[in-house]
Amino acid sequence: MRLQIKNQLIAKQLSKRRGEIKLAVEGETVFIEGQAVGYLKGQIMI
């Protein structure tokens, strides 16, 4: 069996509000693309 590795994903929200997000992986970096409405501002500490 051959494993196919993909580096892109497109997800769609099919509810009344509709939406789409695109993800791409390049090395150790993940790129996220889409539209958003800001509702919260803060910091994440790792």
Protein backbone atom coordinates (compact mmCIF):
# COMPACT_ATOMS: atom_id res chain seq x y z
CA MET A 1 0.00 0.00 0.00
CA ARG A 2 1.30 3.44 -0.92
CA LEU A 3 0.69 6.35 1.46
CA GLN A 4 -0.12 9.63 -0.25
CA ILE A 5 0.91 12.70 1.74
CA LYS A 6 -1.00 15.90 1.03
CA ASN A 7 0.04 19.36 2.15
CA GLN A 8 -3.16 21.34 1.51
CA LEU A 9 -6.65 21.30 3.01
CA ILE A 10 -9.79 23.29 2.16
CA ALA A 11 -12.68 23.24 4.66
CA LYS A 12 -16.14 24.72 4.04
CA GLN A 13 -18.82 25.69 6.53
CA LEU A 14 -22.18 24.95 4.95
CA SER A 15 -24.47 26.57 7.52
CA LYS A 16 -26.37 29.83 6.99
CA ARG A 17 -23.26 31.95 7.72
CA ARG A 18 -21.07 30.11 5.19
CA GLY A 19 -17.31 30.15 5.31
CA GLU A 20 -14.14 28.67 3.87
CA ILE A 21 -10.65 28.19 5.26
CA LYS A 22 -7.53 27.02 3.44
CA LEU A 23 -4.52 25.41 5.11
CA ALA A 24 -1.12 24.66 3.59
CA VAL A 25 1.90 22.99 5.18
CA GLU A 26 5.41 23.92 4.07
CA GLY A 27 8.09 22.23 6.14
CA GLU A 28 7.34 23.03 9.79
CA THR A 29 5.12 26.02 8.93
CA VAL A 30 1.32 25.96 8.59
CA PHE A 31 -0.31 28.75 6.57
CA ILE A 32 -3.97 29.59 7.24
CA GLU A 33 -6.03 31.64 4.78
CA GLY A 34 -9.62 32.83 4.98
CA GLN A 35 -11.85 35.65 6.15
CA ALA A 36 -12.59 36.36 9.79
CA VAL A 37 -14.34 38.82 12.06
CA GLY A 38 -12.36 39.82 15.13
CA TYR A 39 -14.19 39.32 18.41
CA LEU A 40 -11.42 38.69 20.98
CA LYS A 41 -7.92 40.01 21.53
CA GLY A 42 -5.34 38.38 23.78
CA GLN A 43 -2.02 36.57 24.12
CA ILE A 44 -1.04 32.93 24.10
CA MET A 45 2.03 31.90 26.10
CA ILE A 46 3.72 28.63 25.23
